[in-house]
């Protein structure tokens, strides 16, 4: 098994575990909201209280799910960026070596092909 296969396996496990945690959390929050509504469901409870319980539950579910997918997207972007930088590193090193080998220009002289600046 190569390092890439191992890393892919780890990423797959992380994704499944994270999604399982989010779905479980969402179900628990939904059950808590339902139980809260059922506990408040009598004729004397104002509907404002029931709406508050439901809106709090929906807000918690939305926040938890959004946070998971936001963190997951950021991690995927970082992994892709790191892979791209690693692949481009030899090219960058070659460019740096070429720049170091180039003769240094005199800062007082204009670059080749540039028009000289006129001093007042």
PDB file of N, CA and C in Angstrom:
ATOM      1  N   UNK A   1       0.854  -1.178   0.000  1.00  0.00           N
ATOM      2  CA  UNK A   1       0.000   0.000   0.000  1.00  0.00           C
ATOM      3  C   UNK A   1       0.899   1.239   0.000  1.00  0.00           C
ATOM      4  N   UNK A   2       0.631   2.169  -0.908  1.00  0.00           N
ATOM      5  CA  UNK A   2       1.457   3.361  -1.023  1.00  0.00           C
ATOM      6  C   UNK A   2       0.986   4.433  -0.042  1.00  0.00           C
ATOM      7  N   UNK A   3       1.795   5.462   0.055  1.00  0.00           N
ATOM      8  CA  UNK A   3       1.447   6.573   0.944  1.00  0.00           C
ATOM      9  C   UNK A   3       0.176   7.268   0.469  1.00  0.00           C
ATOM     10  N   UNK A   4       0.016   7.404  -0.846  1.00  0.00           N
ATOM     11  CA  UNK A   4      -1.187   8.052  -1.387  1.00  0.00           C
ATOM     12  C   UNK A   4      -2.435   7.233  -1.061  1.00  0.00           C
ATOM     13  N   UNK A   5      -2.314   5.888  -1.151  1.00  0.00           N
ATOM     14  CA  UNK A   5      -3.459   5.037  -0.809  1.00  0.00           C
ATOM     15  C   UNK A   5      -3.808   5.164   0.666  1.00  0.00           C
ATOM     16  N   UNK A   6      -2.793   5.196   1.516  1.00  0.00           N
ATOM     17  CA  UNK A   6      -3.018   5.330   2.954  1.00  0.00           C
ATOM     18  C   UNK A   6      -3.670   6.674   3.269  1.00  0.00           C
ATOM     19  N   UNK A   7      -3.181   7.730   2.631  1.00  0.00           N
ATOM     20  CA  UNK A   7      -3.736   9.057   2.876  1.00  0.00           C
ATOM     21  C   UNK A   7      -5.185   9.130   2.380  1.00  0.00           C
ATOM     22  N   UNK A   8      -5.472   8.530   1.247  1.00  0.00           N
ATOM     23  CA  UNK A   8      -6.844   8.514   0.728  1.00  0.00           C
ATOM     24  C   UNK A   8      -7.763   7.744   1.667  1.00  0.00           C
ATOM     25  N   UNK A   9      -7.253   6.643   2.218  1.00  0.00           N
ATOM     26  CA  UNK A   9      -8.041   5.849   3.165  1.00  0.00           C
ATOM     27  C   UNK A   9      -8.334   6.643   4.438  1.00  0.00           C
ATOM     28  N   UNK A  10      -7.337   7.368   4.914  1.00  0.00           N
ATOM     29  CA  UNK A  10      -7.516   8.192   6.117  1.00  0.00           C
ATOM     30  C   UNK A  10      -8.534   9.296   5.855  1.00  0.00           C
ATOM     31  N   UNK A  11      -8.440   9.942   4.689  1.00  0.00           N
ATOM     32  CA  UNK A  11      -9.395  11.002   4.353  1.00  0.00           C
ATOM     33  C   UNK A  11     -10.815  10.464   4.257  1.00  0.00           C
ATOM     34  N   UNK A  12     -10.965   9.281   3.680  1.00  0.00           N
ATOM     35  CA  UNK A  12     -12.289   8.670   3.558  1.00  0.00           C
ATOM     36  C   UNK A  12     -12.862   8.371   4.938  1.00  0.00           C
ATOM     37  N   UNK A  13     -12.013   7.865   5.838  1.00  0.00           N
ATOM     38  CA  UNK A  13     -12.460   7.567   7.205  1.00  0.00           C
ATOM     39  C   UNK A  13     -12.844   8.846   7.940  1.00  0.00           C
ATOM     40  N   UNK A  14     -12.045   9.893   7.770  1.00  0.00           N
ATOM     41  CA  UNK A  14     -12.363  11.180   8.404  1.00  0.00           C
ATOM     42  C   UNK A  14     -13.689  11.726   7.900  1.00  0.00           C
ATOM     43  N   UNK A  15     -13.909  11.639   6.599  1.00  0.00           N
ATOM     44  CA  UNK A  15     -15.154  12.162   6.027  1.00  0.00           C
ATOM     45  C   UNK A  15     -16.361  11.393   6.554  1.00  0.00           C
ATOM     46  N   UNK A  16     -16.261  10.068   6.586  1.00  0.00           N
ATOM     47  CA  UNK A  16     -17.380   9.258   7.091  1.00  0.00           C
ATOM     48  C   UNK A  16     -17.633   9.528   8.569  1.00  0.00           C
ATOM     49  N   UNK A  17     -16.583   9.598   9.352  1.00  0.00           N
ATOM     50  CA  UNK A  17     -16.726   9.834  10.788  1.00  0.00           C
ATOM     51  C   UNK A  17     -17.322  11.212  11.060  1.00  0.00           C
ATOM     52  N   UNK A  18     -16.822  12.219  10.355  1.00  0.00           N
ATOM     53  CA  UNK A  18     -17.340  13.575  10.539  1.00  0.00           C
ATOM     54  C   UNK A  18     -18.797  13.693  10.146  1.00  0.00           C
ATOM     55  N   UNK A  19     -19.140  13.097   9.014  1.00  0.00           N
ATOM     56  CA  UNK A  19     -20.531  13.159   8.573  1.00  0.00           C
ATOM     57  C   UNK A  19     -21.441  12.395   9.535  1.00  0.00           C
ATOM     58  N   UNK A  20     -20.970  11.267  10.035  1.00  0.00           N
ATOM     59  CA  UNK A  20     -21.756  10.508  11.017  1.00  0.00           C
ATOM     60  C   UNK A  20     -21.989  11.339  12.275  1.00  0.00           C
ATOM     61  N   UNK A  21     -20.958  12.035  12.738  1.00  0.00           N
ATOM     62  CA  UNK A  21     -21.097  12.875  13.931  1.00  0.00           C
ATOM     63  C   UNK A  21     -22.099  14.006  13.692  1.00  0.00           C
ATOM     64  N   UNK A  22     -22.050  14.611  12.517  1.00  0.00           N
ATOM     65  CA  UNK A  22     -22.973  15.712  12.213  1.00  0.00           C
ATOM     66  C   UNK A  22     -24.412  15.207  12.121  1.00  0.00           C
ATOM     67  N   UNK A  23     -24.615  14.100  11.417  1.00  0.00           N
ATOM     68  CA  UNK A  23     -25.979  13.565  11.284  1.00  0.00           C
ATOM     69  C   UNK A  23     -26.524  13.151  12.646  1.00  0.00           C
ATOM     70  N   UNK A  24     -25.689  12.502  13.459  1.00  0.00           N
ATOM     71  CA  UNK A  24     -26.114  12.107  14.805  1.00  0.00           C
ATOM     72  C   UNK A  24     -26.472  13.331  15.642  1.00  0.00           C
ATOM     73  N   UNK A  25     -25.638  14.349  15.572  1.00  0.00           N
ATOM     74  CA  UNK A  25     -25.921  15.583  16.302  1.00  0.00           C
ATOM     75  C   UNK A  25     -27.208  16.240  15.846  1.00  0.00           C
ATOM     76  N   UNK A  26     -27.423  16.256  14.526  1.00  0.00           N
ATOM     77  CA  UNK A  26     -28.660  16.847  13.997  1.00  0.00           C
ATOM     78  C   UNK A  26     -29.893  16.080  14.470  1.00  0.00           C
ATOM     79  N   UNK A  27     -29.802  14.753  14.483  1.00  0.00           N
ATOM     80  CA  UNK A  27     -30.942  13.935  14.935  1.00  0.00           C
ATOM     81  C   UNK A  27     -31.216  14.181  16.420  1.00  0.00           C
ATOM     82  N   UNK A  28     -30.165  14.252  17.221  1.00  0.00           N
ATOM     83  CA  UNK A  28     -30.347  14.497  18.660  1.00  0.00           C
ATOM     84  C   UNK A  28     -30.976  15.862  18.898  1.00  0.00           C
ATOM     85  N   UNK A  29     -30.532  16.862  18.175  1.00  0.00           N
ATOM     86  CA  UNK A  29     -31.103  18.205  18.334  1.00  0.00           C
ATOM     87  C   UNK A  29     -32.569  18.212  17.905  1.00  0.00           C
ATOM     88  N   UNK A  30     -32.871  17.531  16.795  1.00  0.00           N
ATOM     89  CA  UNK A  30     -34.266  17.464  16.330  1.00  0.00           C
ATOM     90  C   UNK A  30     -35.152  16.757  17.353  1.00  0.00           C
ATOM     91  N   UNK A  31     -34.651  15.653  17.931  1.00  0.00           N
ATOM     92  CA  UNK A  31     -35.423  14.950  18.960  1.00  0.00           C
ATOM     93  C   UNK A  31     -35.637  15.826  20.193  1.00  0.00           C
ATOM     94  N   UNK A  32     -34.604  16.577  20.578  1.00  0.00           N
ATOM     95  CA  UNK A  32     -34.748  17.474  21.729  1.00  0.00           C
ATOM     96  C   UNK A  32     -35.800  18.550  21.443  1.00  0.00           C
ATOM     97  N   UNK A  33     -35.808  19.061  20.229  1.00  0.00           N
ATOM     98  CA  UNK A  33     -36.811  20.082  19.877  1.00  0.00           C
ATOM     99  C   UNK A  33     -38.221  19.485  19.882  1.00  0.00           C
ATOM    100  N   UNK A  34     -38.342  18.276  19.331  1.00  0.00           N
ATOM    101  CA  UNK A  34     -39.658  17.621  19.318  1.00  0.00           C
ATOM    102  C   UNK A  34     -40.148  17.347  20.735  1.00  0.00           C
ATOM    103  N   UNK A  35     -39.246  16.832  21.579  1.00  0.00           N
ATOM    104  CA  UNK A  35     -39.625  16.583  22.978  1.00  0.00           C
ATOM    105  C   UNK A  35     -39.979  17.883  23.702  1.00  0.00           C
ATOM    106  N   UNK A  36     -39.253  18.945  23.383  1.00  0.00           N
ATOM    107  CA  UNK A  36     -39.565  20.238  23.985  1.00  0.00           C
ATOM    108  C   UNK A  36     -40.930  20.743  23.580  1.00  0.00           C
ATOM    109  N   UNK A  37     -41.279  20.560  22.309  1.00  0.00           N
ATOM    110  CA  UNK A  37     -42.605  20.979  21.836  1.00  0.00           C
ATOM    111  C   UNK A  37     -43.685  20.133  22.496  1.00  0.00           C
ATOM    112  N   UNK A  38     -43.448  18.816  22.589  1.00  0.00           N
ATOM    113  CA  UNK A  38     -44.437  17.945  23.222  1.00  0.00           C
ATOM    114  C   UNK A  38     -44.616  18.277  24.707  1.00  0.00           C
ATOM    115  N   UNK A  39     -43.536  18.665  25.370  1.00  0.00           N
ATOM    116  CA  UNK A  39     -43.643  19.031  26.784  1.00  0.00           C
ATOM    117  C   UNK A  39     -44.421  20.336  26.966  1.00  0.00           C
ATOM    118  N   UNK A  40     -44.324  21.222  25.988  1.00  0.00           N
ATOM    119  CA  UNK A  40     -45.010  22.513  26.078  1.00  0.00           C
ATOM    120  C   UNK A  40     -46.409  22.491  25.465  1.00  0.00           C
ATOM    121  N   UNK A  41     -46.814  21.348  24.941  1.00  0.00           N
ATOM    122  CA  UNK A  41     -48.070  21.274  24.190  1.00  0.00           C
ATOM    123  C   UNK A  41     -49.275  21.073  25.111  1.00  0.00           C
ATOM    124  N   UNK A  42     -49.647  22.115  25.752  1.00  0.00           N
ATOM    125  CA  UNK A  42     -50.916  22.106  26.477  1.00  0.00           C
ATOM    126  C   UNK A  42     -51.628  23.411  26.127  1.00  0.00           C
ATOM    127  N   UNK A  43     -52.830  23.520  26.521  1.00  0.00           N
ATOM    128  CA  UNK A  43     -53.638  24.660  26.085  1.00  0.00           C
ATOM    129  C   UNK A  43     -53.206  25.991  26.702  1.00  0.00           C
ATOM    130  N   UNK A  44     -52.447  25.951  27.805  1.00  0.00           N
ATOM    131  CA  UNK A  44     -52.063  27.200  28.467  1.00  0.00           C
ATOM    132  C   UNK A  44     -50.718  27.739  27.979  1.00  0.00           C
ATOM    133  N   UNK A  45     -49.967  26.945  27.249  1.00  0.00           N
ATOM    134  CA  UNK A  45     -48.656  27.400  26.779  1.00  0.00           C
ATOM    135  C   UNK A  45     -48.836  28.316  25.570  1.00  0.00           C
ATOM    136  N   UNK A  46     -48.243  29.509  25.642  1.00  0.00           N
ATOM    137  CA  UNK A  46     -48.354  30.397  24.479  1.00  0.00           C
ATOM    138  C   UNK A  46     -47.578  29.810  23.285  1.00  0.00           C
ATOM    139  N   UNK A  47     -48.076  30.074  22.102  1.00  0.00           N
ATOM    140  CA  UNK A  47     -47.417  29.544  20.893  1.00  0.00           C
ATOM    141  C   UNK A  47     -46.035  30.143  20.694  1.00  0.00           C
ATOM    142  N   UNK A  48     -45.779  31.295  21.304  1.00  0.00           N
ATOM    143  CA  UNK A  48     -44.451  31.906  21.202  1.00  0.00           C
ATOM    144  C   UNK A  48     -43.377  30.989  21.767  1.00  0.00           C
ATOM    145  N   UNK A  49     -43.683  30.292  22.838  1.00  0.00           N
ATOM    146  CA  UNK A  49     -42.713  29.379  23.450  1.00  0.00           C
ATOM    147  C   UNK A  49     -42.411  28.197  22.530  1.00  0.00           C
ATOM    148  N   UNK A  50     -43.430  27.671  21.893  1.00  0.00           N
ATOM    149  CA  UNK A  50     -43.231  26.547  20.975  1.00  0.00           C
ATOM    150  C   UNK A  50     -42.419  26.992  19.767  1.00  0.00           C
ATOM    151  N   UNK A  51     -42.718  28.164  19.252  1.00  0.00           N
ATOM    152  CA  UNK A  51     -41.964  28.701  18.112  1.00  0.00           C
ATOM    153  C   UNK A  51     -40.508  28.934  18.506  1.00  0.00           C
ATOM    154  N   UNK A  52     -40.280  29.395  19.723  1.00  0.00           N
ATOM    155  CA  UNK A  52     -38.906  29.626  20.190  1.00  0.00           C
ATOM    156  C   UNK A  52     -38.122  28.311  20.265  1.00  0.00           C
ATOM    157  N   UNK A  53     -38.747  27.258  20.755  1.00  0.00           N
ATOM    158  CA  UNK A  53     -38.082  25.958  20.843  1.00  0.00           C
ATOM    159  C   UNK A  53     -37.745  25.439  19.449  1.00  0.00           C
ATOM    160  N   UNK A  54     -38.713  25.516  18.532  1.00  0.00           N
ATOM    161  CA  UNK A  54     -38.484  25.027  17.175  1.00  0.00           C
ATOM    162  C   UNK A  54     -37.428  25.839  16.432  1.00  0.00           C
ATOM    163  N   UNK A  55     -37.487  27.144  16.556  1.00  0.00           N
ATOM    164  CA  UNK A  55     -36.500  27.970  15.853  1.00  0.00           C
ATOM    165  C   UNK A  55     -35.100  27.767  16.422  1.00  0.00           C
ATOM    166  N   UNK A  56     -35.001  27.558  17.725  1.00  0.00           N
ATOM    167  CA  UNK A  56     -33.692  27.270  18.322  1.00  0.00           C
ATOM    168  C   UNK A  56     -33.140  25.940  17.813  1.00  0.00           C
ATOM    169  N   UNK A  57     -34.004  24.949  17.709  1.00  0.00           N
ATOM    170  CA  UNK A  57     -33.577  23.649  17.181  1.00  0.00           C
ATOM    171  C   UNK A  57     -33.111  23.749  15.739  1.00  0.00           C
ATOM    172  N   UNK A  58     -33.876  24.429  14.897  1.00  0.00           N
ATOM    173  CA  UNK A  58     -33.486  24.591  13.497  1.00  0.00           C
ATOM    174  C   UNK A  58     -32.200  25.390  13.366  1.00  0.00           C
ATOM    175  N   UNK A  59     -32.022  26.395  14.210  1.00  0.00           N
ATOM    176  CA  UNK A  59     -30.793  27.184  14.179  1.00  0.00           C
ATOM    177  C   UNK A  59     -29.593  26.330  14.559  1.00  0.00           C
ATOM    178  N   UNK A  60     -29.736  25.512  15.588  1.00  0.00           N
ATOM    179  CA  UNK A  60     -28.629  24.641  16.010  1.00  0.00           C
ATOM    180  C   UNK A  60     -28.276  23.628  14.925  1.00  0.00           C
ATOM    181  N   UNK A  61     -29.276  23.043  14.294  1.00  0.00           N
ATOM    182  CA  UNK A  61     -29.028  22.077  13.218  1.00  0.00           C
ATOM    183  C   UNK A  61     -28.325  22.769  12.052  1.00  0.00           C
ATOM    184  N   UNK A  62     -28.804  23.916  11.666  1.00  0.00           N
ATOM    185  CA  UNK A  62     -28.191  24.656  10.557  1.00  0.00           C
ATOM    186  C   UNK A  62     -26.758  25.063  10.854  1.00  0.00           C
ATOM    187  N   UNK A  63     -26.519  25.513  12.069  1.00  0.00           N
ATOM    188  CA  UNK A  63     -25.174  25.936  12.448  1.00  0.00           C
ATOM    189  C   UNK A  63     -24.207  24.761  12.460  1.00  0.00           C
ATOM    190  N   UNK A  64     -24.618  23.647  13.038  1.00  0.00           N
ATOM    191  CA  UNK A  64     -23.763  22.463  13.103  1.00  0.00           C
ATOM    192  C   UNK A  64     -23.427  21.942  11.712  1.00  0.00           C
ATOM    193  N   UNK A  65     -24.420  21.854  10.856  1.00  0.00           N
ATOM    194  CA  UNK A  65     -24.212  21.339   9.503  1.00  0.00           C
ATOM    195  C   UNK A  65     -23.351  22.293   8.676  1.00  0.00           C
ATOM    196  N   UNK A  66     -23.622  23.577   8.770  1.00  0.00           N
ATOM    197  CA  UNK A  66     -22.837  24.562   8.034  1.00  0.00           C
ATOM    198  C   UNK A  66     -21.390  24.573   8.489  1.00  0.00           C
ATOM    199  N   UNK A  67     -21.170  24.473   9.781  1.00  0.00           N
ATOM    200  CA  UNK A  67     -19.795  24.444  10.293  1.00  0.00           C
ATOM    201  C   UNK A  67     -19.046  23.223   9.763  1.00  0.00           C
ATOM    202  N   UNK A  68     -19.699  22.072   9.751  1.00  0.00           N
ATOM    203  CA  UNK A  68     -19.037  20.861   9.248  1.00  0.00           C
ATOM    204  C   UNK A  68     -18.636  21.031   7.787  1.00  0.00           C
ATOM    205  N   UNK A  69     -19.583  21.459   6.946  1.00  0.00           N
ATOM    206  CA  UNK A  69     -19.266  21.568   5.531  1.00  0.00           C
ATOM    207  C   UNK A  69     -18.283  22.700   5.252  1.00  0.00           C
ATOM    208  N   UNK A  70     -18.314  23.762   6.045  1.00  0.00           N
ATOM    209  CA  UNK A  70     -17.324  24.831   5.889  1.00  0.00           C
ATOM    210  C   UNK A  70     -15.924  24.360   6.223  1.00  0.00           C
ATOM    211  N   UNK A  71     -15.788  23.647   7.324  1.00  0.00           N
ATOM    212  CA  UNK A  71     -14.480  23.121   7.713  1.00  0.00           C
ATOM    213  C   UNK A  71     -14.011  22.085   6.704  1.00  0.00           C
ATOM    214  N   UNK A  72     -14.914  21.244   6.223  1.00  0.00           N
ATOM    215  CA  UNK A  72     -14.567  20.214   5.235  1.00  0.00           C
ATOM    216  C   UNK A  72     -14.095  20.863   3.938  1.00  0.00           C
ATOM    217  N   UNK A  73     -14.777  21.895   3.484  1.00  0.00           N
ATOM    218  CA  UNK A  73     -14.382  22.578   2.250  1.00  0.00           C
ATOM    219  C   UNK A  73     -13.018  23.242   2.404  1.00  0.00           C
ATOM    220  N   UNK A  74     -12.777  23.851   3.555  1.00  0.00           N
ATOM    221  CA  UNK A  74     -11.490  24.489   3.806  1.00  0.00           C
ATOM    222  C   UNK A  74     -10.371  23.456   3.828  1.00  0.00           C
ATOM    223  N   UNK A  75     -10.617  22.325   4.465  1.00  0.00           N
ATOM    224  CA  UNK A  75      -9.606  21.267   4.510  1.00  0.00           C
ATOM    225  C   UNK A  75      -9.314  20.722   3.118  1.00  0.00           C
ATOM    226  N   UNK A  76     -10.357  20.547   2.308  1.00  0.00           N
ATOM    227  CA  UNK A  76     -10.155  20.064   0.934  1.00  0.00           C
ATOM    228  C   UNK A  76      -9.359  21.070   0.114  1.00  0.00           C
ATOM    229  N   UNK A  77      -9.648  22.353   0.285  1.00  0.00           N
ATOM    230  CA  UNK A  77      -8.915  23.393  -0.438  1.00  0.00           C
ATOM    231  C   UNK A  77      -7.456  23.418  -0.016  1.00  0.00           C
ATOM    232  N   UNK A  78      -7.209  23.290   1.274  1.00  0.00           N
ATOM    233  CA  UNK A  78      -5.827  23.289   1.767  1.00  0.00           C
ATOM    234  C   UNK A  78      -5.063  22.082   1.242  1.00  0.00           C
ATOM    235  N   UNK A  79      -5.707  20.925   1.207  1.00  0.00           N
ATOM    236  CA  UNK A  79      -5.056  19.713   0.703  1.00  0.00           C
ATOM    237  C   UNK A  79      -4.722  19.864  -0.777  1.00  0.00           C
ATOM    238  N   UNK A  80      -5.657  20.396  -1.554  1.00  0.00           N
ATOM    239  CA  UNK A  80      -5.429  20.603  -2.979  1.00  0.00           C
ATOM    240  C   UNK A  80      -4.316  21.617  -3.207  1.00  0.00           C
ATOM    241  N   UNK A  81      -4.332  22.686  -2.433  1.00  0.00           N
ATOM    242  CA  UNK A  81      -3.307  23.718  -2.567  1.00  0.00           C
ATOM    243  C   UNK A  81      -1.931  23.176  -2.205  1.00  0.00           C
ATOM    244  N   UNK A  82      -1.863  22.392  -1.154  1.00  0.00           N
ATOM    245  CA  UNK A  82      -0.597  21.804  -0.741  1.00  0.00           C
ATOM    246  C   UNK A  82      -0.070  20.860  -1.808  1.00  0.00           C
ATOM    247  N   UNK A  83      -0.955  20.070  -2.404  1.00  0.00           N
ATOM    248  CA  UNK A  83      -0.535  19.152  -3.463  1.00  0.00           C
ATOM    249  C   UNK A  83      -0.034  19.926  -4.681  1.00  0.00           C
ATOM    250  N   UNK A  84      -0.701  21.023  -5.020  1.00  0.00           N
ATOM    251  CA  UNK A  84      -0.278  21.832  -6.163  1.00  0.00           C
ATOM    252  C   UNK A  84       1.067  22.501  -5.891  1.00  0.00           C
ATOM    253  N   UNK A  85       1.264  22.995  -4.678  1.00  0.00           N
ATOM    254  CA  UNK A  85       2.543  23.626  -4.331  1.00  0.00           C
ATOM    255  C   UNK A  85       3.671  22.615  -4.317  1.00  0.00           C
ATOM    256  N   UNK A  86       3.392  21.413  -3.859  1.00  0.00           N
ATOM    257  CA  UNK A  86       4.416  20.377  -3.832  1.00  0.00           C
ATOM    258  C   UNK A  86       4.802  19.982  -5.253  1.00  0.00           C
ATOM    259  N   UNK A  87       3.830  19.893  -6.149  1.00  0.00           N
ATOM    260  CA  UNK A  87       4.107  19.543  -7.536  1.00  0.00           C
ATOM    261  C   UNK A  87       4.861  20.655  -8.246  1.00  0.00           C
ATOM    262  N   UNK A  88       4.615  21.910  -7.867  1.00  0.00           N
ATOM    263  CA  UNK A  88       5.261  23.045  -8.514  1.00  0.00           C
ATOM    264  C   UNK A  88       6.608  23.380  -7.892  1.00  0.00           C
ATOM    265  N   UNK A  89       6.967  22.784  -6.796  1.00  0.00           N
ATOM    266  CA  UNK A  89       8.208  23.121  -6.093  1.00  0.00           C
ATOM    267  C   UNK A  89       9.452  22.916  -6.942  1.00  0.00           C
ATOM    268  N   UNK A  90       9.623  21.820  -7.693  1.00  0.00           N
ATOM    269  CA  UNK A  90      10.833  21.682  -8.506  1.00  0.00           C
ATOM    270  C   UNK A  90      10.960  22.786  -9.542  1.00  0.00           C
ATOM    271  N   UNK A  91       9.848  23.225 -10.137  1.00  0.00           N
ATOM    272  CA  UNK A  91       9.888  24.300 -11.112  1.00  0.00           C
ATOM    273  C   UNK A  91      10.330  25.595 -10.446  1.00  0.00           C
ATOM    274  N   UNK A  92       9.807  25.855  -9.258  1.00  0.00           N
ATOM    275  CA  UNK A  92      10.182  27.063  -8.540  1.00  0.00           C
ATOM    276  C   UNK A  92      11.653  27.032  -8.159  1.00  0.00           C
ATOM    277  N   UNK A  93      12.149  25.868  -7.758  1.00  0.00           N
ATOM    278  CA  UNK A  93      13.559  25.734  -7.396  1.00  0.00           C
ATOM    279  C   UNK A  93      14.432  25.958  -8.624  1.00  0.00           C
ATOM    280  N   UNK A  94      14.005  25.450  -9.777  1.00  0.00           N
ATOM    281  CA  UNK A  94      14.772  25.651 -11.009  1.00  0.00           C
ATOM    282  C   UNK A  94      14.793  27.131 -11.392  1.00  0.00           C
ATOM    283  N   UNK A  95      13.664  27.808 -11.220  1.00  0.00           N
ATOM    284  CA  UNK A  95      13.601  29.237 -11.530  1.00  0.00           C
ATOM    285  C   UNK A  95      14.487  30.039 -10.588  1.00  0.00           C
ATOM    286  N   UNK A  96      14.503  29.654  -9.315  1.00  0.00           N
ATOM    287  CA  UNK A  96      15.358  30.346  -8.349  1.00  0.00           C
ATOM    288  C   UNK A  96      16.824  30.130  -8.676  1.00  0.00           C
ATOM    289  N   UNK A  97      17.188  28.915  -9.091  1.00  0.00           N
ATOM    290  CA  UNK A  97      18.584  28.636  -9.452  1.00  0.00           C
ATOM    291  C   UNK A  97      18.979  29.430 -10.693  1.00  0.00           C
ATOM    292  N   UNK A  98      18.076  29.556 -11.654  1.00  0.00           N
ATOM    293  CA  UNK A  98      18.364  30.321 -12.866  1.00  0.00           C
ATOM    294  C   UNK A  98      18.527  31.799 -12.536  1.00  0.00           C
ATOM    295  N   UNK A  99      17.700  32.308 -11.647  1.00  0.00           N
ATOM    296  CA  UNK A  99      17.804  33.715 -11.257  1.00  0.00           C
ATOM    297  C   UNK A  99      19.103  33.973 -10.508  1.00  0.00           C
ATOM    298  N   UNK A 100      19.532  33.018  -9.699  1.00  0.00           N
ATOM    299  CA  UNK A 100      20.779  33.184  -8.953  1.00  0.00           C
ATOM    300  C   UNK A 100      21.984  33.129  -9.884  1.00  0.00           C
ATOM    301  N   UNK A 101      21.874  32.361 -10.960  1.00  0.00           N
ATOM    302  CA  UNK A 101      22.989  32.223 -11.894  1.00  0.00           C
ATOM    303  C   UNK A 101      23.074  33.398 -12.854  1.00  0.00           C
ATOM    304  N   UNK A 102      22.010  34.175 -13.014  1.00  0.00           N
ATOM    305  CA  UNK A 102      21.998  35.315 -13.931  1.00  0.00           C
ATOM    306  C   UNK A 102      22.905  36.409 -13.382  1.00  0.00           C
ATOM    307  N   UNK A 103      23.582  37.124 -14.282  1.00  0.00           N
ATOM    308  CA  UNK A 103      24.461  38.208 -13.808  1.00  0.00           C
ATOM    309  C   UNK A 103      23.649  39.333 -13.174  1.00  0.00           C
ATOM    310  N   UNK A 104      24.186  39.889 -12.129  1.00  0.00           N
ATOM    311  CA  UNK A 104      23.512  40.981 -11.432  1.00  0.00           C
ATOM    312  C   UNK A 104      23.612  42.242 -12.281  1.00  0.00           C
ATOM    313  N   UNK A 105      22.519  42.978 -12.365  1.00  0.00           N
ATOM    314  CA  UNK A 105      22.532  44.209 -13.156  1.00  0.00           C
ATOM    315  C   UNK A 105      22.936  45.375 -12.270  1.00  0.00           C
ATOM    316  N   UNK A 106      23.474  46.390 -12.884  1.00  0.00           N
ATOM    317  CA  UNK A 106      23.891  47.602 -12.180  1.00  0.00           C
ATOM    318  C   UNK A 106      22.653  48.452 -11.947  1.00  0.00           C
ATOM    319  N   UNK A 107      22.320  48.781 -10.697  1.00  0.00           N
ATOM    320  CA  UNK A 107      21.102  49.550 -10.442  1.00  0.00           C
ATOM    321  C   UNK A 107      21.147  50.941 -11.048  1.00  0.00           C
ATOM    322  N   UNK A 108      22.330  51.450 -11.358  1.00  0.00           N
ATOM    323  CA  UNK A 108      22.445  52.787 -11.938  1.00  0.00           C
ATOM    324  C   UNK A 108      22.178  52.803 -13.425  1.00  0.00           C
ATOM    325  N   UNK A 109      22.223  51.658 -14.094  1.00  0.00           N
ATOM    326  CA  UNK A 109      22.009  51.586 -15.537  1.00  0.00           C
ATOM    327  C   UNK A 109      20.601  51.091 -15.819  1.00  0.00           C
ATOM    328  N   UNK A 110      19.979  51.606 -16.867  1.00  0.00           N
ATOM    329  CA  UNK A 110      18.648  51.098 -17.222  1.00  0.00           C
ATOM    330  C   UNK A 110      18.761  49.667 -17.746  1.00  0.00           C
ATOM    331  N   UNK A 111      17.686  48.930 -17.592  1.00  0.00           N
ATOM    332  CA  UNK A 111      17.660  47.569 -18.084  1.00  0.00           C
ATOM    333  C   UNK A 111      17.713  47.575 -19.605  1.00  0.00           C
ATOM    334  N   UNK A 112      18.156  46.463 -20.183  1.00  0.00           N
ATOM    335  CA  UNK A 112      18.277  46.371 -21.633  1.00  0.00           C
ATOM    336  C   UNK A 112      16.921  46.607 -22.269  1.00  0.00           C
ATOM    337  N   UNK A 113      16.876  47.493 -23.263  1.00  0.00           N
ATOM    338  CA  UNK A 113      15.640  47.785 -23.952  1.00  0.00           C
ATOM    339  C   UNK A 113      14.818  48.877 -23.310  1.00  0.00           C
ATOM    340  N   UNK A 114      15.200  49.345 -22.135  1.00  0.00           N
ATOM    341  CA  UNK A 114      14.452  50.399 -21.448  1.00  0.00           C
ATOM    342  C   UNK A 114      15.032  51.746 -21.813  1.00  0.00           C
ATOM    343  N   UNK A 115      14.186  52.741 -21.873  1.00  0.00           N
ATOM    344  CA  UNK A 115      14.688  54.086 -22.186  1.00  0.00           C
ATOM    345  C   UNK A 115      15.255  54.701 -20.908  1.00  0.00           C
ATOM    346  N   UNK A 116      16.369  55.414 -21.031  1.00  0.00           N
ATOM    347  CA  UNK A 116      16.964  56.035 -19.841  1.00  0.00           C
ATOM    348  C   UNK A 116      16.067  57.144 -19.311  1.00  0.00           C
ATOM    349  N   UNK A 117      16.074  57.280 -17.995  1.00  0.00           N
ATOM    350  CA  UNK A 117      15.275  58.341 -17.371  1.00  0.00           C
ATOM    351  C   UNK A 117      16.045  59.651 -17.451  1.00  0.00           C
ATOM    352  N   UNK A 118      15.335  60.716 -17.724  1.00  0.00           N
ATOM    353  CA  UNK A 118      15.945  62.024 -17.809  1.00  0.00           C
ATOM    354  C   UNK A 118      15.887  62.673 -16.445  1.00  0.00           C
ATOM    355  N   UNK A 119      17.032  63.087 -15.929  1.00  0.00           N
ATOM    356  CA  UNK A 119      17.088  63.751 -14.631  1.00  0.00           C
ATOM    357  C   UNK A 119      16.955  65.254 -14.822  1.00  0.00           C
ATOM    358  N   UNK A 120      16.177  65.957 -14.066  1.00  0.00           N
ATOM    359  CA  UNK A 120      16.042  67.421 -14.220  1.00  0.00           C
ATOM    360  C   UNK A 120      17.242  68.159 -13.692  1.00  0.00           C
TER     361      UNK A 120
END
